[in-house]
N, C-alpha and C. Protein backbone atom coordinates (compact mmCIF):
# COMPACT_ATOMS: atom_id res chain seq x y z
N UNK A 1 44.26 128.28 111.46
CA UNK A 1 45.36 128.26 110.52
C UNK A 1 46.16 126.98 110.72
N UNK A 2 46.45 126.28 109.62
CA UNK A 2 47.24 125.05 109.69
C UNK A 2 48.70 125.35 109.36
N UNK A 3 49.55 124.72 110.12
CA UNK A 3 50.98 124.88 109.87
C UNK A 3 51.44 123.68 109.04
N UNK A 4 52.08 123.98 107.94
CA UNK A 4 52.58 122.91 107.07
C UNK A 4 53.74 122.20 107.77
N UNK A 5 53.68 120.88 107.75
CA UNK A 5 54.76 120.09 108.34
C UNK A 5 55.88 119.95 107.32
N UNK A 6 57.09 120.09 107.81
CA UNK A 6 58.21 119.89 106.88
C UNK A 6 58.38 118.39 106.66
N UNK A 7 58.74 118.01 105.43
CA UNK A 7 58.88 116.58 105.16
C UNK A 7 60.03 115.98 105.98
N UNK A 8 59.84 114.74 106.41
CA UNK A 8 60.86 114.05 107.18
C UNK A 8 61.91 113.53 106.20
N UNK A 9 63.15 113.85 106.49
CA UNK A 9 64.25 113.41 105.63
C UNK A 9 64.48 111.91 105.88
N UNK A 10 64.50 111.11 104.81
CA UNK A 10 64.75 109.67 105.01
C UNK A 10 66.18 109.42 105.50
N UNK A 11 66.34 108.39 106.28
CA UNK A 11 67.65 108.03 106.80
C UNK A 11 68.55 107.58 105.65
N UNK A 12 69.82 107.95 105.71
CA UNK A 12 70.80 107.55 104.70
C UNK A 12 71.82 106.60 105.35
N UNK A 13 72.64 105.97 104.52
CA UNK A 13 73.69 105.09 105.03
C UNK A 13 74.69 105.89 105.87
N UNK A 14 74.92 107.15 105.49
CA UNK A 14 75.81 108.01 106.27
C UNK A 14 75.24 108.27 107.66
N UNK A 15 73.91 108.41 107.73
CA UNK A 15 73.25 108.58 109.03
C UNK A 15 73.47 107.34 109.91
N UNK A 16 73.40 106.16 109.28
CA UNK A 16 73.60 104.91 110.03
C UNK A 16 75.03 104.86 110.58
N UNK A 17 75.99 105.24 109.75
CA UNK A 17 77.39 105.28 110.21
C UNK A 17 77.51 106.21 111.42
N UNK A 18 76.87 107.37 111.35
CA UNK A 18 76.91 108.31 112.47
C UNK A 18 76.28 107.71 113.73
N UNK A 19 75.17 106.99 113.57
CA UNK A 19 74.52 106.34 114.72
C UNK A 19 75.44 105.29 115.34
N UNK A 20 76.06 104.48 114.47
CA UNK A 20 76.96 103.44 114.95
C UNK A 20 78.14 104.07 115.70
N UNK A 21 78.75 105.06 115.10
CA UNK A 21 79.93 105.67 115.72
C UNK A 21 79.57 106.34 117.05
N UNK A 22 78.45 107.02 117.08
CA UNK A 22 78.01 107.67 118.32
C UNK A 22 77.77 106.63 119.41
N UNK A 23 77.09 105.54 119.09
CA UNK A 23 76.83 104.47 120.07
C UNK A 23 78.14 103.84 120.52
N UNK A 24 79.07 103.64 119.60
CA UNK A 24 80.38 103.06 119.94
C UNK A 24 81.07 103.91 121.00
N UNK A 25 81.08 105.20 120.78
CA UNK A 25 81.74 106.12 121.72
C UNK A 25 80.98 106.15 123.05
N UNK A 26 79.66 106.32 122.99
CA UNK A 26 78.87 106.44 124.22
C UNK A 26 78.93 105.18 125.06
N UNK A 27 78.95 104.00 124.41
CA UNK A 27 78.94 102.72 125.14
C UNK A 27 80.33 102.15 125.37
N UNK A 28 81.37 102.80 124.81
CA UNK A 28 82.73 102.31 124.99
C UNK A 28 82.99 100.97 124.29
N UNK A 29 82.37 100.78 123.15
CA UNK A 29 82.48 99.53 122.39
C UNK A 29 83.79 99.53 121.59
N UNK A 30 84.46 98.38 121.55
CA UNK A 30 85.68 98.20 120.76
C UNK A 30 85.33 97.44 119.48
N UNK A 31 85.95 97.84 118.35
CA UNK A 31 85.68 97.17 117.07
C UNK A 31 86.01 95.68 117.16
N UNK A 32 87.08 95.32 117.86
CA UNK A 32 87.46 93.91 117.98
C UNK A 32 86.36 93.10 118.66
N UNK A 33 85.66 93.70 119.63
CA UNK A 33 84.56 93.00 120.30
C UNK A 33 83.37 92.81 119.37
N UNK A 34 83.11 93.80 118.54
CA UNK A 34 82.03 93.67 117.55
C UNK A 34 82.38 92.56 116.57
N UNK A 35 83.64 92.53 116.12
CA UNK A 35 84.10 91.52 115.17
C UNK A 35 83.94 90.11 115.74
N UNK A 36 84.25 89.94 117.02
CA UNK A 36 84.09 88.62 117.64
C UNK A 36 82.65 88.16 117.59
N UNK A 37 81.71 89.09 117.81
CA UNK A 37 80.29 88.71 117.78
C UNK A 37 79.84 88.34 116.37
N UNK A 38 80.48 88.95 115.36
CA UNK A 38 80.15 88.62 113.96
C UNK A 38 80.96 87.44 113.45
N UNK A 39 82.01 87.06 114.21
CA UNK A 39 82.94 86.00 113.80
C UNK A 39 83.66 86.38 112.50
N UNK A 40 84.07 87.66 112.43
CA UNK A 40 84.79 88.20 111.27
C UNK A 40 85.98 89.00 111.76
N UNK A 41 86.85 89.42 110.85
CA UNK A 41 88.02 90.21 111.23
C UNK A 41 87.61 91.59 111.73
N UNK A 42 88.44 92.16 112.58
CA UNK A 42 88.17 93.52 113.07
C UNK A 42 88.28 94.53 111.93
N UNK A 43 89.13 94.24 110.94
CA UNK A 43 89.33 95.16 109.82
C UNK A 43 88.08 95.22 108.94
N UNK A 44 87.55 94.05 108.56
CA UNK A 44 86.35 94.02 107.71
C UNK A 44 85.15 94.56 108.49
N UNK A 45 85.03 94.16 109.73
CA UNK A 45 83.90 94.61 110.56
C UNK A 45 83.89 96.13 110.70
N UNK A 46 85.06 96.70 110.94
CA UNK A 46 85.15 98.16 111.08
C UNK A 46 84.75 98.84 109.77
N UNK A 47 85.27 98.33 108.64
CA UNK A 47 84.91 98.89 107.33
C UNK A 47 83.40 98.80 107.11
N UNK A 48 82.79 97.69 107.50
CA UNK A 48 81.34 97.53 107.33
C UNK A 48 80.58 98.54 108.19
N UNK A 49 80.99 98.68 109.44
CA UNK A 49 80.30 99.60 110.34
C UNK A 49 80.48 101.06 109.91
N UNK A 50 81.59 101.34 109.22
CA UNK A 50 81.84 102.69 108.74
C UNK A 50 81.26 102.92 107.34
N UNK A 51 80.45 101.97 106.85
CA UNK A 51 79.69 102.18 105.62
C UNK A 51 80.36 101.74 104.34
N UNK A 52 81.38 100.87 104.42
CA UNK A 52 82.10 100.50 103.21
C UNK A 52 81.85 99.06 102.74
N UNK A 53 81.05 98.30 103.47
CA UNK A 53 80.76 96.91 103.11
C UNK A 53 79.26 96.65 103.25
N UNK A 54 78.80 95.62 102.56
CA UNK A 54 77.40 95.20 102.65
C UNK A 54 77.29 94.08 103.67
N UNK A 55 76.35 94.19 104.59
CA UNK A 55 76.15 93.14 105.58
C UNK A 55 74.99 92.24 105.18
N UNK A 56 75.04 90.98 105.60
CA UNK A 56 73.91 90.07 105.41
C UNK A 56 72.83 90.48 106.41
N UNK A 57 71.65 89.90 106.25
CA UNK A 57 70.56 90.21 107.19
C UNK A 57 70.95 89.83 108.62
N UNK A 58 71.57 88.66 108.79
CA UNK A 58 71.97 88.22 110.14
C UNK A 58 73.04 89.15 110.72
N UNK A 59 74.02 89.52 109.90
CA UNK A 59 75.07 90.44 110.37
C UNK A 59 74.47 91.79 110.74
N UNK A 60 73.57 92.29 109.92
CA UNK A 60 72.95 93.59 110.17
C UNK A 60 72.14 93.55 111.47
N UNK A 61 71.43 92.46 111.70
CA UNK A 61 70.67 92.31 112.95
C UNK A 61 71.59 92.34 114.16
N UNK A 62 72.72 91.64 114.07
CA UNK A 62 73.69 91.63 115.16
C UNK A 62 74.23 93.04 115.42
N UNK A 63 74.60 93.73 114.35
CA UNK A 63 75.09 95.11 114.48
C UNK A 63 73.99 95.99 115.09
N UNK A 64 72.77 95.79 114.64
CA UNK A 64 71.65 96.56 115.17
C UNK A 64 71.49 96.39 116.68
N UNK A 65 71.62 95.15 117.15
CA UNK A 65 71.51 94.89 118.59
C UNK A 65 72.67 95.51 119.36
N UNK A 66 73.88 95.35 118.84
CA UNK A 66 75.07 95.88 119.53
C UNK A 66 74.96 97.39 119.71
N UNK A 67 74.54 98.08 118.63
CA UNK A 67 74.56 99.54 118.65
C UNK A 67 73.18 100.16 118.90
N UNK A 68 72.15 99.34 119.11
CA UNK A 68 70.81 99.86 119.39
C UNK A 68 70.22 100.63 118.22
N UNK A 69 70.33 100.06 117.03
CA UNK A 69 69.87 100.75 115.82
C UNK A 69 68.39 100.50 115.53
N UNK A 70 67.72 101.47 114.92
CA UNK A 70 66.33 101.26 114.51
C UNK A 70 66.25 100.33 113.29
N UNK A 71 65.07 99.76 113.04
CA UNK A 71 64.86 98.82 111.92
C UNK A 71 65.30 99.41 110.59
N UNK A 72 65.02 100.70 110.38
CA UNK A 72 65.38 101.36 109.12
C UNK A 72 66.90 101.31 108.90
N UNK A 73 67.66 101.47 109.95
CA UNK A 73 69.12 101.43 109.87
C UNK A 73 69.60 100.02 109.54
N UNK A 74 68.97 99.02 110.14
CA UNK A 74 69.34 97.63 109.90
C UNK A 74 69.13 97.28 108.42
N UNK A 75 68.07 97.77 107.83
CA UNK A 75 67.82 97.54 106.39
C UNK A 75 68.90 98.22 105.54
N UNK A 76 69.29 99.43 105.92
CA UNK A 76 70.30 100.16 105.15
C UNK A 76 71.68 99.49 105.22
N UNK A 77 71.96 98.77 106.30
CA UNK A 77 73.23 98.05 106.40
C UNK A 77 73.35 96.94 105.36
N UNK A 78 72.21 96.52 104.79
CA UNK A 78 72.18 95.43 103.83
C UNK A 78 72.21 95.90 102.37
N UNK A 79 72.28 97.22 102.18
CA UNK A 79 72.32 97.80 100.84
C UNK A 79 73.78 97.99 100.43
N UNK A 80 74.07 97.68 99.17
CA UNK A 80 75.44 97.88 98.67
C UNK A 80 75.78 99.36 98.78
N UNK A 81 76.86 99.70 99.49
CA UNK A 81 77.18 101.12 99.71
C UNK A 81 77.93 101.72 98.53
N UNK A 82 77.94 103.04 98.50
CA UNK A 82 78.83 103.77 97.61
C UNK A 82 80.18 103.76 98.32
N UNK A 83 81.14 103.06 97.75
CA UNK A 83 82.43 102.89 98.43
C UNK A 83 83.33 104.10 98.20
N UNK A 84 84.11 104.37 99.19
CA UNK A 84 84.98 105.54 99.18
C UNK A 84 84.42 106.53 100.18
N UNK A 85 85.11 106.68 101.30
CA UNK A 85 84.53 107.47 102.39
C UNK A 85 85.29 108.76 102.68
N UNK A 86 86.28 109.08 101.86
CA UNK A 86 87.04 110.29 102.15
C UNK A 86 86.27 111.53 101.69
N UNK A 87 86.21 112.55 102.52
CA UNK A 87 85.44 113.75 102.17
C UNK A 87 86.11 114.65 101.14
N UNK A 88 87.42 114.47 100.95
CA UNK A 88 88.15 115.30 99.98
C UNK A 88 89.09 114.42 99.17
N UNK A 89 89.49 114.89 97.98
CA UNK A 89 90.39 114.11 97.12
C UNK A 89 91.74 113.91 97.80
N UNK A 90 92.28 114.95 98.39
CA UNK A 90 93.51 114.84 99.18
C UNK A 90 93.07 114.86 100.63
N UNK A 91 93.32 113.76 101.36
CA UNK A 91 92.83 113.71 102.75
C UNK A 91 93.48 114.76 103.63
N UNK A 92 92.70 115.28 104.57
CA UNK A 92 93.23 116.28 105.50
C UNK A 92 93.50 115.69 106.88
N UNK A 93 92.90 114.55 107.20
CA UNK A 93 93.18 113.89 108.47
C UNK A 93 94.63 113.42 108.44
N UNK A 94 95.45 113.76 109.45
CA UNK A 94 96.88 113.43 109.40
C UNK A 94 97.19 111.95 109.21
N UNK A 95 96.46 111.06 109.87
CA UNK A 95 96.75 109.64 109.72
C UNK A 95 96.42 109.17 108.31
N UNK A 96 95.27 109.55 107.79
CA UNK A 96 94.90 109.15 106.44
C UNK A 96 95.81 109.82 105.42
N UNK A 97 96.21 111.06 105.68
CA UNK A 97 97.12 111.74 104.76
C UNK A 97 98.44 110.97 104.63
N UNK A 98 98.93 110.36 105.71
CA UNK A 98 100.18 109.60 105.66
C UNK A 98 100.04 108.41 104.71
N UNK A 99 98.86 107.80 104.66
CA UNK A 99 98.63 106.71 103.69
C UNK A 99 98.66 107.27 102.27
N UNK A 100 98.08 108.42 102.10
CA UNK A 100 98.11 109.10 100.80
C UNK A 100 99.57 109.38 100.42
N UNK A 101 100.34 109.84 101.39
CA UNK A 101 101.76 110.12 101.17
C UNK A 101 102.51 108.84 100.81
N UNK A 102 102.21 107.74 101.50
CA UNK A 102 102.86 106.46 101.20
C UNK A 102 102.59 106.06 99.74
N UNK A 103 101.35 106.20 99.31
CA UNK A 103 101.02 105.85 97.92
C UNK A 103 101.71 106.81 96.96
N UNK A 104 101.77 108.10 97.28
CA UNK A 104 102.45 109.06 96.42
C UNK A 104 103.95 108.76 96.30
N UNK A 105 104.58 108.40 97.40
CA UNK A 105 106.02 108.16 97.39
C UNK A 105 106.36 106.75 96.90
N UNK A 106 105.62 105.75 97.38
CA UNK A 106 105.96 104.37 97.08
C UNK A 106 105.05 103.69 96.07
N UNK A 107 104.01 104.38 95.61
CA UNK A 107 103.07 103.77 94.68
C UNK A 107 103.72 103.23 93.42
N UNK A 108 104.60 104.01 92.81
CA UNK A 108 105.26 103.54 91.58
C UNK A 108 106.19 102.37 91.88
N UNK A 109 106.80 102.37 93.07
CA UNK A 109 107.66 101.25 93.46
C UNK A 109 106.84 99.98 93.65
N UNK A 110 105.73 100.10 94.35
CA UNK A 110 104.84 98.96 94.56
C UNK A 110 104.37 98.42 93.21
N UNK A 111 103.93 99.32 92.33
CA UNK A 111 103.47 98.94 91.00
C UNK A 111 104.57 98.21 90.24
N UNK A 112 105.77 98.78 90.22
CA UNK A 112 106.89 98.19 89.48
C UNK A 112 107.25 96.80 90.00
N UNK A 113 107.30 96.66 91.32
CA UNK A 113 107.68 95.37 91.89
C UNK A 113 106.59 94.31 91.71
N UNK A 114 105.34 94.70 91.79
CA UNK A 114 104.25 93.75 91.53
C UNK A 114 104.30 93.31 90.07
N UNK A 115 104.49 94.24 89.15
CA UNK A 115 104.56 93.88 87.73
C UNK A 115 105.77 93.00 87.43
N UNK A 116 106.90 93.30 88.06
CA UNK A 116 108.09 92.49 87.85
C UNK A 116 107.88 91.06 88.33
N UNK A 117 107.22 90.91 89.47
CA UNK A 117 107.01 89.58 90.06
C UNK A 117 105.84 88.82 89.43
N UNK A 118 104.75 89.51 89.10
CA UNK A 118 103.52 88.85 88.66
C UNK A 118 103.17 89.09 87.20
N UNK A 119 103.64 90.18 86.62
CA UNK A 119 103.27 90.54 85.26
C UNK A 119 102.28 91.69 85.26
N UNK A 120 101.67 91.93 84.11
CA UNK A 120 100.74 93.05 83.94
C UNK A 120 99.40 92.71 84.56
N UNK A 121 99.04 93.41 85.60
CA UNK A 121 97.78 93.16 86.29
C UNK A 121 97.64 94.06 87.50
N UNK A 122 96.71 93.70 88.37
CA UNK A 122 96.42 94.50 89.56
C UNK A 122 96.31 93.61 90.79
N UNK A 123 96.40 94.23 91.94
CA UNK A 123 96.12 93.55 93.20
C UNK A 123 94.66 93.86 93.55
N UNK A 124 93.88 92.83 93.75
CA UNK A 124 92.46 92.99 94.03
C UNK A 124 92.22 93.60 95.41
N UNK A 125 91.26 94.50 95.47
CA UNK A 125 90.78 95.01 96.75
C UNK A 125 89.43 94.36 97.07
N UNK A 126 89.02 93.41 96.22
CA UNK A 126 87.78 92.67 96.44
C UNK A 126 88.12 91.32 97.07
N UNK A 127 89.02 90.56 96.43
CA UNK A 127 89.53 89.32 97.01
C UNK A 127 90.74 89.74 97.84
N UNK A 128 90.50 90.18 99.06
CA UNK A 128 91.46 90.98 99.81
C UNK A 128 91.31 90.72 101.30
N UNK A 129 92.42 90.83 102.00
CA UNK A 129 92.36 90.83 103.47
C UNK A 129 93.39 91.82 103.99
N UNK A 130 93.16 92.25 105.22
CA UNK A 130 94.04 93.22 105.86
C UNK A 130 94.16 92.84 107.33
N UNK A 131 95.35 93.04 107.88
CA UNK A 131 95.56 92.77 109.29
C UNK A 131 96.37 93.94 109.86
N UNK A 132 95.90 94.50 110.95
CA UNK A 132 96.59 95.61 111.61
C UNK A 132 96.96 95.15 113.01
N UNK A 133 98.27 95.19 113.30
CA UNK A 133 98.78 94.68 114.57
C UNK A 133 99.74 95.70 115.18
N UNK A 134 99.67 95.83 116.48
CA UNK A 134 100.62 96.68 117.21
C UNK A 134 101.87 95.86 117.50
N UNK A 135 103.03 96.39 117.13
CA UNK A 135 104.32 95.74 117.40
C UNK A 135 105.07 96.53 118.45
N UNK A 136 105.27 95.95 119.62
CA UNK A 136 106.05 96.65 120.64
C UNK A 136 107.48 96.87 120.15
N UNK A 137 108.03 98.03 120.44
CA UNK A 137 109.39 98.37 120.04
C UNK A 137 109.94 99.33 121.08
N UNK A 138 111.16 99.10 121.56
CA UNK A 138 111.73 99.98 122.59
C UNK A 138 111.86 101.44 122.15
N UNK A 139 111.94 101.67 120.83
CA UNK A 139 112.06 103.05 120.33
C UNK A 139 110.69 103.67 120.04
N UNK A 140 109.62 102.97 120.36
CA UNK A 140 108.26 103.44 120.09
C UNK A 140 107.50 102.37 119.32
N UNK A 141 106.34 102.03 119.80
CA UNK A 141 105.56 100.97 119.17
C UNK A 141 105.35 101.26 117.68
N UNK A 142 105.25 100.18 116.91
CA UNK A 142 105.12 100.27 115.46
C UNK A 142 103.76 99.75 115.04
N UNK A 143 103.28 100.27 113.92
CA UNK A 143 102.03 99.82 113.30
C UNK A 143 102.42 98.88 112.18
N UNK A 144 101.97 97.62 112.27
CA UNK A 144 102.26 96.65 111.22
C UNK A 144 100.96 96.39 110.47
N UNK A 145 100.94 96.77 109.20
CA UNK A 145 99.76 96.59 108.36
C UNK A 145 100.11 95.60 107.26
N UNK A 146 99.35 94.52 107.17
CA UNK A 146 99.54 93.54 106.11
C UNK A 146 98.33 93.63 105.18
N UNK A 147 98.61 93.87 103.90
CA UNK A 147 97.56 93.90 102.88
C UNK A 147 97.78 92.70 101.98
N UNK A 148 96.76 91.92 101.75
CA UNK A 148 96.89 90.74 100.91
C UNK A 148 95.74 90.72 99.91
N UNK A 149 96.08 90.91 98.64
CA UNK A 149 95.06 90.91 97.60
C UNK A 149 95.42 89.94 96.49
N UNK A 150 94.43 89.28 95.93
CA UNK A 150 94.65 88.35 94.82
C UNK A 150 95.17 89.12 93.62
N UNK A 151 96.14 88.54 92.92
CA UNK A 151 96.64 89.15 91.70
C UNK A 151 95.69 88.81 90.56
N UNK A 152 95.29 89.83 89.82
CA UNK A 152 94.39 89.65 88.67
C UNK A 152 95.11 90.16 87.43
N UNK A 153 95.52 89.22 86.55
CA UNK A 153 96.23 89.64 85.34
C UNK A 153 95.26 90.25 84.33
N UNK A 154 95.78 91.22 83.57
CA UNK A 154 95.01 91.75 82.44
C UNK A 154 94.98 90.68 81.36
N UNK A 155 93.86 90.55 80.68
CA UNK A 155 93.69 89.54 79.64
C UNK A 155 93.64 90.18 78.28
N UNK A 156 94.10 89.46 77.31
CA UNK A 156 93.95 89.93 75.93
C UNK A 156 92.63 89.41 75.40
N UNK A 157 92.01 90.15 74.49
CA UNK A 157 90.74 89.72 73.92
C UNK A 157 90.60 90.22 72.51
């Protein structure tokens, strides 16, 4: 009697993220150290490793070596990902929920002030940079997040 083999599930980009994160934890790797090896920001590098950016072949190879990834995973790092990594529409993780809260409370203010200063348009998340820095403070350290995106005006046609 032959036993039917179950089909092998192909690796997904989410599987690669899980492999990277597991290796990071097991090896005690810091995102800033990975970024230095790529010669990129820790913010972009972290987003890429968490499945939100496309890596070049050379970048994917470097990530593969750092985290001990199989060839299949290295290829998947070079595929344009489906962006947006939150598992629910309203985030449940407390830190991410606070960002959601910031947008809910201050989103209209940010929109109004950008429109007043620049006109009708948007801030790009493509032509974009982010910097996260710890600020020492005697009342408790502060998180300083700088978001910088190119202004893109709406055009008439």
